[in-house]
């Protein structure tokens, strides 16, 4: 398999970034409930903000027009390919890129930390951030925090693996860790949350065709337990 970072990869060369700058990339599809919060969080802070939309049919695009950001569209295949498409085709001039989901925001302390860090010419090419999961207005810390995810990467040194779900970013070279939190808070209803996780589960089965019978039954039991819990809290 050819390395993400091999010399024959045409997307890993000829990039002359502006030092000490960061571009935020947001992938969207029908995110009208979330996109305004995400954009208001980073427009005016990041040097560039890009929205790569997958042909939304709601008011997502209308909302993006209210903000100073670059909007492009590309049909969705999977998250890995969509992230690589953004890296390969968007007119990014910044030295650093930060992948932000539409239902996420950077804490004020994280924005200060990143703004300071990127002016110090760090030797690392990527940084992990701690993930603070908010659900129905509450911080779910038990079992979720801290969860570390790679989001801040030097442009030209990062690729995303092509996976249907649970895709990961990879950087060439060293990585480090940031001290402050990235906040996840989906503002869509619980019905959307359930539908999203059902799609994720279906994608997981597609990606794991050799799943054992025991594993399948365990997933089914977990799914039933989740359904019972959701019935109780929504009653």
Protein backbone atom coordinates (compact mmCIF):
# COMPACT_ATOMS: atom_id res chain seq x y z
CA UNK A 1 0.00 0.00 0.00
CA UNK A 2 1.31 3.45 -0.89
CA UNK A 3 2.00 5.59 2.14
CA UNK A 4 -0.16 8.64 2.73
CA UNK A 5 3.07 10.61 2.90
CA UNK A 6 5.16 9.02 0.13
CA UNK A 7 6.91 11.18 -2.43
CA UNK A 8 4.60 9.99 -5.22
CA UNK A 9 1.49 11.30 -3.50
CA UNK A 10 0.66 14.46 -5.54
CA UNK A 11 -1.27 16.05 -2.69
CA UNK A 12 1.64 16.13 -0.27
CA UNK A 13 3.83 18.65 -2.10
CA UNK A 14 3.94 22.16 -3.54
CA UNK A 15 2.26 23.70 -0.53
CA UNK A 16 3.64 27.04 0.70
CA UNK A 17 1.54 28.05 3.72
CA UNK A 18 1.31 31.33 5.58
CA UNK A 19 3.17 30.74 8.85
CA UNK A 20 1.30 30.98 12.12
CA UNK A 21 -2.16 30.76 10.56
CA UNK A 22 -5.01 28.28 10.95
CA UNK A 23 -7.89 27.28 8.69
CA UNK A 24 -11.02 25.63 10.07
CA UNK A 25 -12.78 23.02 7.92
CA UNK A 26 -16.40 22.08 8.65
CA UNK A 27 -18.20 19.25 6.86
CA UNK A 28 -21.97 19.65 6.64
CA UNK A 29 -25.13 17.89 5.57
CA UNK A 30 -28.46 19.26 6.81
CA UNK A 31 -26.89 21.01 9.81
CA UNK A 32 -29.22 24.02 10.08
CA UNK A 33 -29.64 23.38 13.82
CA UNK A 34 -25.89 23.52 14.47
CA UNK A 35 -23.99 25.42 11.79
CA UNK A 36 -24.64 28.96 13.07
CA UNK A 37 -23.11 28.11 16.45
CA UNK A 38 -20.07 26.48 14.82
CA UNK A 39 -19.44 29.38 12.46
CA UNK A 40 -19.96 32.08 15.07
CA UNK A 41 -17.41 30.22 17.20
CA UNK A 42 -14.58 30.37 14.64
CA UNK A 43 -15.30 33.18 12.14
CA UNK A 44 -13.16 36.11 13.22
CA UNK A 45 -10.81 33.81 15.14
CA UNK A 46 -9.51 31.52 12.40
CA UNK A 47 -7.64 33.04 9.48
CA UNK A 48 -9.80 31.01 7.07
CA UNK A 49 -13.07 29.12 7.50
CA UNK A 50 -14.25 26.54 4.96
CA UNK A 51 -17.58 24.73 4.80
CA UNK A 52 -17.66 21.63 2.61
CA UNK A 53 -21.31 20.72 2.17
CA UNK A 54 -22.74 17.43 0.90
CA UNK A 55 -25.76 18.85 -0.98
CA UNK A 56 -27.82 19.86 2.06
CA UNK A 57 -31.59 20.08 1.52
CA UNK A 58 -32.40 22.19 4.58
CA UNK A 59 -31.38 25.74 5.47
CA UNK A 60 -27.70 25.03 6.05
CA UNK A 61 -26.40 26.90 3.01
CA UNK A 62 -28.65 29.90 3.62
CA UNK A 63 -27.19 30.20 7.12
CA UNK A 64 -23.59 29.99 5.89
CA UNK A 65 -24.21 33.04 3.69
CA UNK A 66 -24.53 35.12 6.86
CA UNK A 67 -20.88 34.45 7.75
CA UNK A 68 -17.55 35.25 6.19
CA UNK A 69 -16.56 31.76 5.06
CA UNK A 70 -15.75 29.85 1.89
CA UNK A 71 -18.49 27.35 0.92
CA UNK A 72 -18.01 24.45 -1.48
CA UNK A 73 -20.08 21.37 -2.26
CA UNK A 74 -19.12 17.78 -2.96
CA UNK A 75 -21.27 14.62 -2.98
CA UNK A 76 -20.75 12.57 0.18
CA UNK A 77 -19.06 9.15 -0.07
CA UNK A 78 -17.71 8.69 3.43
CA UNK A 79 -16.08 10.92 6.02
CA UNK A 80 -12.55 9.87 5.19
CA UNK A 81 -12.85 10.70 1.49
CA UNK A 82 -14.70 13.92 2.28
CA UNK A 83 -11.94 15.11 4.59
CA UNK A 84 -9.26 14.26 2.03
CA UNK A 85 -11.25 16.04 -0.68
CA UNK A 86 -11.28 19.14 1.53
CA UNK A 87 -7.53 18.94 2.07
CA UNK A 88 -6.84 18.37 -1.61
CA UNK A 89 -9.16 20.86 -3.30
CA UNK A 90 -10.06 23.75 -0.99
CA UNK A 91 -7.89 26.87 -1.50
CA UNK A 92 -6.28 26.62 1.93
CA UNK A 93 -3.43 29.10 2.47
CA UNK A 94 -2.93 28.57 6.20
CA UNK A 95 -0.14 26.60 7.78
CA UNK A 96 -2.50 24.70 10.08
CA UNK A 97 -5.93 23.11 9.62
CA UNK A 98 -8.47 22.31 12.29
CA UNK A 99 -11.30 19.92 11.48
CA UNK A 100 -14.42 21.06 13.32
CA UNK A 101 -17.71 19.17 13.17
CA UNK A 102 -20.84 21.26 12.76
CA UNK A 103 -22.03 20.29 16.25
CA UNK A 104 -18.76 21.28 17.92
CA UNK A 105 -17.12 24.44 19.21
CA UNK A 106 -13.73 25.38 20.61
CA UNK A 107 -13.71 26.48 24.21
CA UNK A 108 -12.39 30.03 24.74
CA UNK A 109 -9.31 28.59 26.45
CA UNK A 110 -8.64 26.24 23.52
CA UNK A 111 -8.80 29.12 21.04
CA UNK A 112 -6.30 31.10 23.09
CA UNK A 113 -4.03 28.06 23.39
CA UNK A 114 -4.05 27.35 19.64
CA UNK A 115 -3.56 30.99 18.67
CA UNK A 116 -0.49 31.13 20.90
CA UNK A 117 0.88 27.74 19.90
CA UNK A 118 0.93 28.22 16.13
CA UNK A 119 3.09 31.34 16.42
CA UNK A 120 5.83 29.43 18.24
CA UNK A 121 6.80 27.21 15.25
CA UNK A 122 6.20 23.88 17.04
CA UNK A 123 8.09 20.86 15.76
CA UNK A 124 5.00 18.67 16.01
CA UNK A 125 2.81 18.28 12.92
CA UNK A 126 -0.38 17.42 14.78
CA UNK A 127 -2.07 17.97 18.13
CA UNK A 128 -4.71 16.00 19.99
CA UNK A 129 -7.50 17.78 21.84
CA UNK A 130 -9.67 16.51 24.69
CA UNK A 131 -13.28 15.94 23.73
CA UNK A 132 -16.01 17.24 26.06
CA UNK A 133 -19.29 15.52 25.23
CA UNK A 134 -22.44 17.50 26.04
CA UNK A 135 -25.77 15.70 25.74
CA UNK A 136 -29.17 17.24 26.42
CA UNK A 137 -27.46 20.16 28.14
CA UNK A 138 -25.27 18.04 30.40
CA UNK A 139 -21.56 17.26 30.33
CA UNK A 140 -21.23 13.47 30.11
CA UNK A 141 -17.81 13.05 31.70
CA UNK A 142 -18.02 9.51 33.03
CA UNK A 143 -16.62 7.08 30.47
CA UNK A 144 -16.13 9.83 27.88
CA UNK A 145 -13.63 12.26 29.37
CA UNK A 146 -10.95 12.75 28.51
CA UNK A 147 -11.19 11.28 25.01
CA UNK A 148 -8.34 12.42 22.77
CA UNK A 149 -8.84 13.15 19.09
CA UNK A 150 -6.42 14.49 16.50
CA UNK A 151 -7.84 17.71 15.06
CA UNK A 152 -5.12 20.37 14.71
CA UNK A 153 -2.69 19.41 11.94
CA UNK A 154 -0.06 21.07 9.82
CA UNK A 155 -1.41 21.39 6.26
CA UNK A 156 0.47 19.18 3.85
CA UNK A 157 1.34 16.72 6.62
CA UNK A 158 -2.07 15.19 7.26
CA UNK A 159 -4.29 12.61 5.55
CA UNK A 160 -7.45 10.81 6.57
CA UNK A 161 -7.95 7.09 6.16
CA UNK A 162 -10.78 6.12 3.81
CA UNK A 163 -13.25 4.44 6.14
CA UNK A 164 -17.05 4.52 6.20
CA UNK A 165 -17.12 5.29 9.95
CA UNK A 166 -14.71 6.03 12.80
CA UNK A 167 -12.17 7.46 10.38
CA UNK A 168 -8.89 8.72 11.76
CA UNK A 169 -6.49 11.46 10.78
CA UNK A 170 -2.81 10.63 10.44
CA UNK A 171 0.10 13.04 10.35
CA UNK A 172 3.66 12.65 9.18
CA UNK A 173 5.96 13.26 12.11
CA UNK A 174 5.51 13.96 15.79
CA UNK A 175 2.25 14.79 17.59
CA UNK A 176 1.46 16.56 20.83
CA UNK A 177 -1.45 17.23 23.17
CA UNK A 178 -3.35 20.42 23.92
CA UNK A 179 -4.57 21.28 27.41
CA UNK A 180 -8.05 22.63 26.73
CA UNK A 181 -11.34 21.20 25.49
CA UNK A 182 -13.22 20.83 22.24
CA UNK A 183 -16.94 20.82 23.01
CA UNK A 184 -19.48 18.57 21.27
CA UNK A 185 -23.14 19.57 21.64
CA UNK A 186 -25.61 18.50 18.98
CA UNK A 187 -28.63 20.83 18.98
CA UNK A 188 -30.83 18.53 16.94
CA UNK A 189 -33.51 16.47 18.66
CA UNK A 190 -33.18 13.03 20.15
CA UNK A 191 -34.81 11.51 17.07
CA UNK A 192 -31.90 12.70 14.93
CA UNK A 193 -29.47 11.36 17.52
CA UNK A 194 -31.05 7.89 17.36
CA UNK A 195 -31.15 7.90 13.56
CA UNK A 196 -27.49 8.94 13.38
CA UNK A 197 -26.38 6.10 15.62
CA UNK A 198 -28.44 3.55 13.72
CA UNK A 199 -26.70 4.64 10.52
CA UNK A 200 -23.35 4.40 12.30
CA UNK A 201 -24.17 0.88 13.50
CA UNK A 202 -25.17 -0.21 9.99
CA UNK A 203 -21.92 1.21 8.63
CA UNK A 204 -19.99 -0.66 11.30
CA UNK A 205 -21.51 -3.96 10.20
CA UNK A 206 -20.62 -3.20 6.58
CA UNK A 207 -17.04 -2.44 7.60
CA UNK A 208 -16.85 -5.64 9.70
CA UNK A 209 -18.40 -8.46 7.64
CA UNK A 210 -16.58 -11.10 9.70
CA UNK A 211 -18.34 -10.08 12.93
CA UNK A 212 -18.85 -13.13 15.11
CA UNK A 213 -22.28 -14.38 16.19
CA UNK A 214 -21.39 -13.62 19.81
CA UNK A 215 -20.37 -10.11 18.87
CA UNK A 216 -23.60 -9.60 16.96
CA UNK A 217 -25.70 -10.71 19.91
CA UNK A 218 -23.74 -8.44 22.25
CA UNK A 219 -24.43 -5.46 19.98
CA UNK A 220 -28.12 -6.39 19.85
CA UNK A 221 -28.31 -6.50 23.66
CA UNK A 222 -26.60 -3.13 23.91
CA UNK A 223 -29.03 -1.71 21.37
CA UNK A 224 -32.03 -2.94 23.34
CA UNK A 225 -30.63 -1.47 26.55
CA UNK A 226 -30.16 1.88 24.79
CA UNK A 227 -33.74 1.81 23.48
CA UNK A 228 -35.07 1.15 27.01
CA UNK A 229 -33.01 4.01 28.42
CA UNK A 230 -34.22 6.43 25.74
CA UNK A 231 -37.84 5.40 26.35
CA UNK A 232 -37.46 6.24 30.04
CA UNK A 233 -35.92 9.68 29.60
CA UNK A 234 -38.34 10.69 26.83
CA UNK A 235 -41.48 9.50 28.63
